[in-house]
C-alpha cells in the first residue's frame, strides 16, 4: 500500500523529512553545482509496512530517529506516543503488547506505523522473549514541545509474564 503524506506547508513535510535525514545522516555541507561529490549513503534499517501511512501534524514538528536495544527478556515501560512514528525491527524479534494483552510479533525486516495521538491513547510495551538482543529503529514525528514517549503510571499488568501468551 503506498505511503500517503498530506503536507501542511507548500514544500511538504515529506520533503522536510528527507532533507533533514540527508543532512543528519550524511553530514553534508550542501554546495552549489550539479551531481554528488564525496557522498556516501548507507541504509541503516529497512522494514516492510503492511498498513498504509498517513501523517498529519498540527504545526511545526520535530523528527527524530532512535535505536533501542532490548536485551533477552527485557521490555520497555508501558507507554504511548504523542505523535506518529514508524518502527523498524533491525535485529531480533519483539512482541508488542497492548493493555488488553493482545500481542503482535515483529521480526527483523518487519515494521509498523503507530499513528501516535489517539483517544484513548494506544498504550503498549515491547518485549523481547528471544535469546538474542532485539534492535528497534523508530522515527518519531511530533510537535516541538512533546517527548517521543509518555510512560503510563501506574503500569498495567505484565501481559508477557502470563502463561496464556506462551512466554
Foldseek 3Di string as FASTA:
>chain_A
DDEDEDAPDPVGPVVVVVVVCQCVVFVDDDDDDDDDDPTDDDDDAAADEPDYHYADDPDDKDKDKDKDKAAAFGKDAWWFFQAKKKKAWQAAKKWKAWLVRDIDIDHHRHIYIDRTDDVVTGTIMIGHNDNGMIMMMMMTIGHPPGDGIDGDPPTHDDSVVDCVVVD
